[in-house]
């Protein structure tokens, strides 16, 4: 389910972590929220791609947003940053 888009309380979130029936959701606008997996509805949106770069796993959304699965944070690199470009290339 990691990388899937779900709806929780009328908002769309990206699933960034799963553990024992709980999931951690992320929205750049709403932040993070941890909820029961059974309390969300899966969407038909294409899931984010998971890639590995320099021993770290990342999710890459269709809009080019990069999320570290280690920290569960959006990576705010400049568009010209070498790490960003390498991760986006892996996600293609």
PDB file of N, CA and C in Angstrom:
ATOM      1  N   UNK A   1       0.818  -1.196   0.000  1.00  0.00           N
ATOM      2  CA  UNK A   1       0.000   0.000   0.000  1.00  0.00           C
ATOM      3  C   UNK A   1       0.868   1.268   0.000  1.00  0.00           C
ATOM      4  N   UNK A   2       2.144   1.164   0.368  1.00  0.00           N
ATOM      5  CA  UNK A   2       3.029   2.333   0.352  1.00  0.00           C
ATOM      6  C   UNK A   2       3.105   2.877  -1.068  1.00  0.00           C
ATOM      7  N   UNK A   3       2.913   4.179  -1.190  1.00  0.00           N
ATOM      8  CA  UNK A   3       2.914   4.821  -2.500  1.00  0.00           C
ATOM      9  C   UNK A   3       1.525   5.001  -3.083  1.00  0.00           C
ATOM     10  N   UNK A   4       0.529   4.366  -2.461  1.00  0.00           N
ATOM     11  CA  UNK A   4      -0.857   4.507  -2.930  1.00  0.00           C
ATOM     12  C   UNK A   4      -1.445   5.822  -2.439  1.00  0.00           C
ATOM     13  N   UNK A   5      -2.444   6.287  -3.176  1.00  0.00           N
ATOM     14  CA  UNK A   5      -3.199   7.457  -2.756  1.00  0.00           C
ATOM     15  C   UNK A   5      -4.498   6.984  -2.122  1.00  0.00           C
ATOM     16  N   UNK A   6      -4.835   7.591  -0.991  1.00  0.00           N
ATOM     17  CA  UNK A   6      -6.055   7.238  -0.270  1.00  0.00           C
ATOM     18  C   UNK A   6      -6.793   8.509   0.134  1.00  0.00           C
ATOM     19  N   UNK A   7      -8.074   8.334   0.449  1.00  0.00           N
ATOM     20  CA  UNK A   7      -8.886   9.446   0.944  1.00  0.00           C
ATOM     21  C   UNK A   7      -9.167   9.209   2.415  1.00  0.00           C
ATOM     22  N   UNK A   8      -8.921  10.246   3.207  1.00  0.00           N
ATOM     23  CA  UNK A   8      -9.203  10.223   4.643  1.00  0.00           C
ATOM     24  C   UNK A   8      -9.828  11.559   5.009  1.00  0.00           C
ATOM     25  N   UNK A   9     -11.028  11.526   5.555  1.00  0.00           N
ATOM     26  CA  UNK A   9     -11.762  12.746   5.923  1.00  0.00           C
ATOM     27  C   UNK A   9     -11.814  13.741   4.764  1.00  0.00           C
ATOM     28  N   UNK A  10     -12.181  13.242   3.605  1.00  0.00           N
ATOM     29  CA  UNK A  10     -12.392  14.040   2.387  1.00  0.00           C
ATOM     30  C   UNK A  10     -11.117  14.650   1.808  1.00  0.00           C
ATOM     31  N   UNK A  11      -9.959  14.252   2.281  1.00  0.00           N
ATOM     32  CA  UNK A  11      -8.692  14.747   1.744  1.00  0.00           C
ATOM     33  C   UNK A  11      -7.890  13.582   1.168  1.00  0.00           C
ATOM     34  N   UNK A  12      -7.145  13.854   0.100  1.00  0.00           N
ATOM     35  CA  UNK A  12      -6.311  12.825  -0.525  1.00  0.00           C
ATOM     36  C   UNK A  12      -4.918  12.880   0.064  1.00  0.00           C
ATOM     37  N   UNK A  13      -4.401  11.696   0.422  1.00  0.00           N
ATOM     38  CA  UNK A  13      -3.079  11.570   1.031  1.00  0.00           C
ATOM     39  C   UNK A  13      -2.284  10.484   0.312  1.00  0.00           C
ATOM     40  N   UNK A  14      -0.976  10.541   0.467  1.00  0.00           N
ATOM     41  CA  UNK A  14      -0.059   9.522  -0.016  1.00  0.00           C
ATOM     42  C   UNK A  14       0.345   8.645   1.173  1.00  0.00           C
ATOM     43  N   UNK A  15       0.263   7.329   1.008  1.00  0.00           N
ATOM     44  CA  UNK A  15       0.670   6.409   2.077  1.00  0.00           C
ATOM     45  C   UNK A  15       2.194   6.296   2.064  1.00  0.00           C
ATOM     46  N   UNK A  16       2.846   6.644   3.191  1.00  0.00           N
ATOM     47  CA  UNK A  16       4.308   6.630   3.252  1.00  0.00           C
ATOM     48  C   UNK A  16       4.869   5.596   4.234  1.00  0.00           C
ATOM     49  N   UNK A  17       4.009   5.007   5.070  1.00  0.00           N
ATOM     50  CA  UNK A  17       4.494   3.983   6.005  1.00  0.00           C
ATOM     51  C   UNK A  17       3.311   3.130   6.470  1.00  0.00           C
ATOM     52  N   UNK A  18       3.592   1.835   6.696  1.00  0.00           N
ATOM     53  CA  UNK A  18       2.592   0.897   7.225  1.00  0.00           C
ATOM     54  C   UNK A  18       3.202   0.157   8.406  1.00  0.00           C
ATOM     55  N   UNK A  19       2.395  -0.050   9.453  1.00  0.00           N
ATOM     56  CA  UNK A  19       2.881  -0.797  10.607  1.00  0.00           C
ATOM     57  C   UNK A  19       1.717  -1.261  11.459  1.00  0.00           C
ATOM     58  N   UNK A  20       1.551  -2.574  11.578  1.00  0.00           N
ATOM     59  CA  UNK A  20       0.577  -3.193  12.474  1.00  0.00           C
ATOM     60  C   UNK A  20      -0.821  -2.590  12.379  1.00  0.00           C
ATOM     61  N   UNK A  21      -1.364  -2.512  11.166  1.00  0.00           N
ATOM     62  CA  UNK A  21      -2.720  -2.010  10.980  1.00  0.00           C
ATOM     63  C   UNK A  21      -2.841  -0.504  10.931  1.00  0.00           C
ATOM     64  N   UNK A  22      -1.733   0.187  11.143  1.00  0.00           N
ATOM     65  CA  UNK A  22      -1.720   1.653  11.075  1.00  0.00           C
ATOM     66  C   UNK A  22      -0.964   2.087   9.820  1.00  0.00           C
ATOM     67  N   UNK A  23      -1.348   3.225   9.278  1.00  0.00           N
ATOM     68  CA  UNK A  23      -0.621   3.788   8.146  1.00  0.00           C
ATOM     69  C   UNK A  23      -0.335   5.261   8.413  1.00  0.00           C
ATOM     70  N   UNK A  24       0.798   5.712   7.894  1.00  0.00           N
ATOM     71  CA  UNK A  24       1.172   7.119   7.989  1.00  0.00           C
ATOM     72  C   UNK A  24       0.879   7.752   6.640  1.00  0.00           C
ATOM     73  N   UNK A  25       0.070   8.806   6.674  1.00  0.00           N
ATOM     74  CA  UNK A  25      -0.338   9.498   5.457  1.00  0.00           C
ATOM     75  C   UNK A  25       0.368  10.841   5.375  1.00  0.00           C
ATOM     76  N   UNK A  26       0.639  11.274   4.145  1.00  0.00           N
ATOM     77  CA  UNK A  26       1.316  12.551   3.932  1.00  0.00           C
ATOM     78  C   UNK A  26       0.594  13.341   2.861  1.00  0.00           C
ATOM     79  N   UNK A  27       0.397  14.606   3.144  1.00  0.00           N
ATOM     80  CA  UNK A  27      -0.114  15.564   2.172  1.00  0.00           C
ATOM     81  C   UNK A  27       0.742  16.811   2.291  1.00  0.00           C
ATOM     82  N   UNK A  28       1.292  17.301   1.175  1.00  0.00           N
ATOM     83  CA  UNK A  28       2.103  18.516   1.271  1.00  0.00           C
ATOM     84  C   UNK A  28       1.337  19.692   1.883  1.00  0.00           C
ATOM     85  N   UNK A  29       0.021  19.724   1.677  1.00  0.00           N
ATOM     86  CA  UNK A  29      -0.787  20.821   2.211  1.00  0.00           C
ATOM     87  C   UNK A  29      -1.227  20.576   3.657  1.00  0.00           C
ATOM     88  N   UNK A  30      -1.570  19.328   3.991  1.00  0.00           N
ATOM     89  CA  UNK A  30      -2.135  19.003   5.307  1.00  0.00           C
ATOM     90  C   UNK A  30      -1.117  18.440   6.290  1.00  0.00           C
ATOM     91  N   UNK A  31       0.054  18.017   5.801  1.00  0.00           N
ATOM     92  CA  UNK A  31       1.061  17.429   6.677  1.00  0.00           C
ATOM     93  C   UNK A  31       0.871  15.925   6.818  1.00  0.00           C
ATOM     94  N   UNK A  32       1.331  15.375   7.960  1.00  0.00           N
ATOM     95  CA  UNK A  32       1.271  13.934   8.212  1.00  0.00           C
ATOM     96  C   UNK A  32       0.160  13.621   9.202  1.00  0.00           C
ATOM     97  N   UNK A  33      -0.411  12.425   9.030  1.00  0.00           N
ATOM     98  CA  UNK A  33      -1.403  11.935   9.978  1.00  0.00           C
ATOM     99  C   UNK A  33      -1.311  10.410   9.999  1.00  0.00           C
ATOM    100  N   UNK A  34      -1.359   9.823  11.206  1.00  0.00           N
ATOM    101  CA  UNK A  34      -1.318   8.372  11.347  1.00  0.00           C
ATOM    102  C   UNK A  34      -2.725   7.892  11.696  1.00  0.00           C
ATOM    103  N   UNK A  35      -3.222   6.914  10.918  1.00  0.00           N
ATOM    104  CA  UNK A  35      -4.592   6.440  11.087  1.00  0.00           C
ATOM    105  C   UNK A  35      -4.644   4.927  10.933  1.00  0.00           C
ATOM    106  N   UNK A  36      -5.775   4.337  11.313  1.00  0.00           N
ATOM    107  CA  UNK A  36      -6.004   2.923  11.062  1.00  0.00           C
ATOM    108  C   UNK A  36      -6.151   2.702   9.563  1.00  0.00           C
ATOM    109  N   UNK A  37      -5.540   1.654   9.058  1.00  0.00           N
ATOM    110  CA  UNK A  37      -5.613   1.359   7.627  1.00  0.00           C
ATOM    111  C   UNK A  37      -7.056   1.174   7.178  1.00  0.00           C
ATOM    112  N   UNK A  38      -7.894   0.677   8.055  1.00  0.00           N
ATOM    113  CA  UNK A  38      -9.294   0.436   7.707  1.00  0.00           C
ATOM    114  C   UNK A  38     -10.121   1.716   7.609  1.00  0.00           C
ATOM    115  N   UNK A  39      -9.557   2.858   7.996  1.00  0.00           N
ATOM    116  CA  UNK A  39     -10.324   4.115   7.995  1.00  0.00           C
ATOM    117  C   UNK A  39     -10.122   4.945   6.731  1.00  0.00           C
ATOM    118  N   UNK A  40      -9.414   4.394   5.744  1.00  0.00           N
ATOM    119  CA  UNK A  40      -9.173   5.131   4.501  1.00  0.00           C
ATOM    120  C   UNK A  40      -9.810   4.402   3.326  1.00  0.00           C
ATOM    121  N   UNK A  41     -10.004   5.144   2.245  1.00  0.00           N
ATOM    122  CA  UNK A  41     -10.521   4.586   1.006  1.00  0.00           C
ATOM    123  C   UNK A  41      -9.463   4.756  -0.063  1.00  0.00           C
ATOM    124  N   UNK A  42      -9.090   3.663  -0.715  1.00  0.00           N
ATOM    125  CA  UNK A  42      -8.081   3.723  -1.771  1.00  0.00           C
ATOM    126  C   UNK A  42      -8.674   4.399  -3.010  1.00  0.00           C
ATOM    127  N   UNK A  43      -7.864   5.196  -3.686  1.00  0.00           N
ATOM    128  CA  UNK A  43      -8.316   5.890  -4.894  1.00  0.00           C
ATOM    129  C   UNK A  43      -7.857   5.134  -6.134  1.00  0.00           C
ATOM    130  N   UNK A  44      -8.311   5.593  -7.278  1.00  0.00           N
ATOM    131  CA  UNK A  44      -7.888   5.021  -8.555  1.00  0.00           C
ATOM    132  C   UNK A  44      -6.684   5.751  -9.140  1.00  0.00           C
ATOM    133  N   UNK A  45      -6.121   6.701  -8.390  1.00  0.00           N
ATOM    134  CA  UNK A  45      -4.952   7.435  -8.879  1.00  0.00           C
ATOM    135  C   UNK A  45      -3.756   6.498  -9.010  1.00  0.00           C
ATOM    136  N   UNK A  46      -2.939   6.748 -10.022  1.00  0.00           N
ATOM    137  CA  UNK A  46      -1.745   5.931 -10.218  1.00  0.00           C
ATOM    138  C   UNK A  46      -0.800   6.134  -9.032  1.00  0.00           C
ATOM    139  N   UNK A  47      -0.329   5.040  -8.423  1.00  0.00           N
ATOM    140  CA  UNK A  47       0.536   5.181  -7.245  1.00  0.00           C
ATOM    141  C   UNK A  47       1.881   5.835  -7.584  1.00  0.00           C
ATOM    142  N   UNK A  48       2.494   6.400  -6.565  1.00  0.00           N
ATOM    143  CA  UNK A  48       3.836   6.966  -6.722  1.00  0.00           C
ATOM    144  C   UNK A  48       4.821   5.823  -6.955  1.00  0.00           C
ATOM    145  N   UNK A  49       5.882   6.114  -7.687  1.00  0.00           N
ATOM    146  CA  UNK A  49       6.911   5.094  -7.932  1.00  0.00           C
ATOM    147  C   UNK A  49       7.909   5.084  -6.783  1.00  0.00           C
ATOM    148  N   UNK A  50       8.331   3.874  -6.412  1.00  0.00           N
ATOM    149  CA  UNK A  50       9.338   3.751  -5.364  1.00  0.00           C
ATOM    150  C   UNK A  50      10.674   3.461  -6.026  1.00  0.00           C
ATOM    151  N   UNK A  51      11.688   4.254  -5.658  1.00  0.00           N
ATOM    152  CA  UNK A  51      13.041   4.061  -6.190  1.00  0.00           C
ATOM    153  C   UNK A  51      14.041   4.044  -5.043  1.00  0.00           C
ATOM    154  N   UNK A  52      15.204   3.475  -5.321  1.00  0.00           N
ATOM    155  CA  UNK A  52      16.290   3.465  -4.340  1.00  0.00           C
ATOM    156  C   UNK A  52      17.447   4.261  -4.917  1.00  0.00           C
ATOM    157  N   UNK A  53      17.939   5.189  -4.114  1.00  0.00           N
ATOM    158  CA  UNK A  53      19.068   6.028  -4.526  1.00  0.00           C
ATOM    159  C   UNK A  53      19.975   6.228  -3.325  1.00  0.00           C
ATOM    160  N   UNK A  54      21.231   5.834  -3.477  1.00  0.00           N
ATOM    161  CA  UNK A  54      22.218   5.973  -2.395  1.00  0.00           C
ATOM    162  C   UNK A  54      21.721   5.372  -1.071  1.00  0.00           C
ATOM    163  N   UNK A  55      21.275   4.138  -1.141  1.00  0.00           N
ATOM    164  CA  UNK A  55      20.851   3.365   0.033  1.00  0.00           C
ATOM    165  C   UNK A  55      19.583   3.894   0.708  1.00  0.00           C
ATOM    166  N   UNK A  56      18.864   4.801   0.077  1.00  0.00           N
ATOM    167  CA  UNK A  56      17.629   5.338   0.637  1.00  0.00           C
ATOM    168  C   UNK A  56      16.495   5.135  -0.362  1.00  0.00           C
ATOM    169  N   UNK A  57      15.327   4.790   0.154  1.00  0.00           N
ATOM    170  CA  UNK A  57      14.150   4.613  -0.692  1.00  0.00           C
ATOM    171  C   UNK A  57      13.345   5.903  -0.718  1.00  0.00           C
ATOM    172  N   UNK A  58      12.841   6.212  -1.904  1.00  0.00           N
ATOM    173  CA  UNK A  58      12.042   7.415  -2.115  1.00  0.00           C
ATOM    174  C   UNK A  58      10.777   7.066  -2.881  1.00  0.00           C
ATOM    175  N   UNK A  59       9.732   7.864  -2.689  1.00  0.00           N
ATOM    176  CA  UNK A  59       8.554   7.824  -3.531  1.00  0.00           C
ATOM    177  C   UNK A  59       8.613   9.030  -4.453  1.00  0.00           C
ATOM    178  N   UNK A  60       8.252   8.823  -5.707  1.00  0.00           N
ATOM    179  CA  UNK A  60       8.213   9.908  -6.676  1.00  0.00           C
ATOM    180  C   UNK A  60       6.800   9.953  -7.250  1.00  0.00           C
ATOM    181  N   UNK A  61       6.128  11.082  -7.075  1.00  0.00           N
ATOM    182  CA  UNK A  61       4.766  11.224  -7.572  1.00  0.00           C
ATOM    183  C   UNK A  61       4.785  11.600  -9.050  1.00  0.00           C
ATOM    184  N   UNK A  62       3.623  11.520  -9.666  1.00  0.00           N
ATOM    185  CA  UNK A  62       3.489  11.890 -11.068  1.00  0.00           C
ATOM    186  C   UNK A  62       3.816  13.351 -11.330  1.00  0.00           C
ATOM    187  N   UNK A  63       3.719  14.189 -10.300  1.00  0.00           N
ATOM    188  CA  UNK A  63       4.037  15.615 -10.430  1.00  0.00           C
ATOM    189  C   UNK A  63       5.485  15.919 -10.081  1.00  0.00           C
ATOM    190  N   UNK A  64       6.288  14.880  -9.819  1.00  0.00           N
ATOM    191  CA  UNK A  64       7.701  15.083  -9.536  1.00  0.00           C
ATOM    192  C   UNK A  64       8.033  15.394  -8.084  1.00  0.00           C
ATOM    193  N   UNK A  65       7.082  15.209  -7.190  1.00  0.00           N
ATOM    194  CA  UNK A  65       7.330  15.395  -5.766  1.00  0.00           C
ATOM    195  C   UNK A  65       8.101  14.173  -5.258  1.00  0.00           C
ATOM    196  N   UNK A  66       9.155  14.386  -4.495  1.00  0.00           N
ATOM    197  CA  UNK A  66       9.987  13.300  -3.978  1.00  0.00           C
ATOM    198  C   UNK A  66       9.839  13.245  -2.462  1.00  0.00           C
ATOM    199  N   UNK A  67       9.535  12.035  -1.954  1.00  0.00           N
ATOM    200  CA  UNK A  67       9.342  11.830  -0.513  1.00  0.00           C
ATOM    201  C   UNK A  67      10.320  10.763  -0.045  1.00  0.00           C
ATOM    202  N   UNK A  68      11.097  11.071   0.982  1.00  0.00           N
ATOM    203  CA  UNK A  68      12.004  10.093   1.579  1.00  0.00           C
ATOM    204  C   UNK A  68      11.197   9.117   2.423  1.00  0.00           C
ATOM    205  N   UNK A  69      11.396   7.821   2.213  1.00  0.00           N
ATOM    206  CA  UNK A  69      10.712   6.830   3.046  1.00  0.00           C
ATOM    207  C   UNK A  69      11.448   6.605   4.361  1.00  0.00           C
ATOM    208  N   UNK A  70      12.635   7.151   4.505  1.00  0.00           N
ATOM    209  CA  UNK A  70      13.371   7.089   5.772  1.00  0.00           C
ATOM    210  C   UNK A  70      12.808   8.118   6.755  1.00  0.00           C
ATOM    211  N   UNK A  71      12.628   9.341   6.271  1.00  0.00           N
ATOM    212  CA  UNK A  71      12.158  10.427   7.133  1.00  0.00           C
ATOM    213  C   UNK A  71      10.672  10.743   6.959  1.00  0.00           C
ATOM    214  N   UNK A  72      10.078  10.229   5.876  1.00  0.00           N
ATOM    215  CA  UNK A  72       8.678  10.525   5.518  1.00  0.00           C
ATOM    216  C   UNK A  72       8.462  12.022   5.318  1.00  0.00           C
ATOM    217  N   UNK A  73       9.470  12.674   4.761  1.00  0.00           N
ATOM    218  CA  UNK A  73       9.386  14.109   4.484  1.00  0.00           C
ATOM    219  C   UNK A  73       9.542  14.360   2.995  1.00  0.00           C
ATOM    220  N   UNK A  74       8.910  15.429   2.539  1.00  0.00           N
ATOM    221  CA  UNK A  74       9.071  15.868   1.157  1.00  0.00           C
ATOM    222  C   UNK A  74      10.457  16.477   1.026  1.00  0.00           C
ATOM    223  N   UNK A  75      11.179  16.064  -0.008  1.00  0.00           N
ATOM    224  CA  UNK A  75      12.514  16.599  -0.251  1.00  0.00           C
ATOM    225  C   UNK A  75      12.367  17.928  -1.006  1.00  0.00           C
ATOM    226  N   UNK A  76      12.891  18.970  -0.457  1.00  0.00           N
ATOM    227  CA  UNK A  76      12.715  20.318  -1.010  1.00  0.00           C
ATOM    228  C   UNK A  76      13.975  20.797  -1.726  1.00  0.00           C
ATOM    229  N   UNK A  77      14.516  19.949  -2.598  1.00  0.00           N
ATOM    230  CA  UNK A  77      15.701  20.314  -3.348  1.00  0.00           C
ATOM    231  C   UNK A  77      15.358  21.289  -4.467  1.00  0.00           C
ATOM    232  N   UNK A  78      16.355  22.051  -4.889  1.00  0.00           N
ATOM    233  CA  UNK A  78      16.185  22.898  -6.077  1.00  0.00           C
ATOM    234  C   UNK A  78      15.957  21.994  -7.285  1.00  0.00           C
ATOM    235  N   UNK A  79      15.286  22.506  -8.294  1.00  0.00           N
ATOM    236  CA  UNK A  79      15.015  21.716  -9.505  1.00  0.00           C
ATOM    237  C   UNK A  79      16.283  21.254 -10.203  1.00  0.00           C
ATOM    238  N   UNK A  80      17.395  21.940  -9.968  1.00  0.00           N
ATOM    239  CA  UNK A  80      18.657  21.602 -10.624  1.00  0.00           C
ATOM    240  C   UNK A  80      19.570  20.737  -9.750  1.00  0.00           C
ATOM    241  N   UNK A  81      19.122  20.380  -8.548  1.00  0.00           N
ATOM    242  CA  UNK A  81      19.935  19.577  -7.632  1.00  0.00           C
ATOM    243  C   UNK A  81      20.223  18.205  -8.242  1.00  0.00           C
ATOM    244  N   UNK A  82      21.471  17.761  -8.148  1.00  0.00           N
ATOM    245  CA  UNK A  82      21.884  16.484  -8.720  1.00  0.00           C
ATOM    246  C   UNK A  82      21.150  15.289  -8.133  1.00  0.00           C
ATOM    247  N   UNK A  83      20.889  15.305  -6.823  1.00  0.00           N
ATOM    248  CA  UNK A  83      20.143  14.210  -6.193  1.00  0.00           C
ATOM    249  C   UNK A  83      18.727  14.121  -6.762  1.00  0.00           C
ATOM    250  N   UNK A  84      18.079  15.275  -6.862  1.00  0.00           N
ATOM    251  CA  UNK A  84      16.719  15.323  -7.406  1.00  0.00           C
ATOM    252  C   UNK A  84      16.682  14.788  -8.830  1.00  0.00           C
ATOM    253  N   UNK A  85      17.604  15.244  -9.644  1.00  0.00           N
ATOM    254  CA  UNK A  85      17.634  14.815 -11.043  1.00  0.00           C
ATOM    255  C   UNK A  85      17.888  13.319 -11.168  1.00  0.00           C
ATOM    256  N   UNK A  86      18.762  12.775 -10.332  1.00  0.00           N
ATOM    257  CA  UNK A  86      19.066  11.348 -10.374  1.00  0.00           C
ATOM    258  C   UNK A  86      17.858  10.517  -9.949  1.00  0.00           C
ATOM    259  N   UNK A  87      17.160  10.945  -8.931  1.00  0.00           N
ATOM    260  CA  UNK A  87      15.971  10.225  -8.449  1.00  0.00           C
ATOM    261  C   UNK A  87      14.863  10.268  -9.487  1.00  0.00           C
ATOM    262  N   UNK A  88      14.657  11.427 -10.088  1.00  0.00           N
ATOM    263  CA  UNK A  88      13.621  11.538 -11.127  1.00  0.00           C
ATOM    264  C   UNK A  88      13.960  10.655 -12.320  1.00  0.00           C
ATOM    265  N   UNK A  89      15.240  10.555 -12.663  1.00  0.00           N
ATOM    266  CA  UNK A  89      15.652   9.697 -13.777  1.00  0.00           C
ATOM    267  C   UNK A  89      15.382   8.232 -13.459  1.00  0.00           C
ATOM    268  N   UNK A  90      15.598   7.823 -12.215  1.00  0.00           N
ATOM    269  CA  UNK A  90      15.316   6.444 -11.818  1.00  0.00           C
ATOM    270  C   UNK A  90      13.824   6.132 -11.875  1.00  0.00           C
ATOM    271  N   UNK A  91      12.992   7.128 -11.634  1.00  0.00           N
ATOM    272  CA  UNK A  91      11.543   6.920 -11.590  1.00  0.00           C
ATOM    273  C   UNK A  91      10.904   6.836 -12.977  1.00  0.00           C
ATOM    274  N   UNK A  92      11.658   7.205 -14.002  1.00  0.00           N
ATOM    275  CA  UNK A  92      11.079   7.175 -15.372  1.00  0.00           C
ATOM    276  C   UNK A  92      10.915   5.784 -15.876  1.00  0.00           C
TER     277      UNK A  92
END
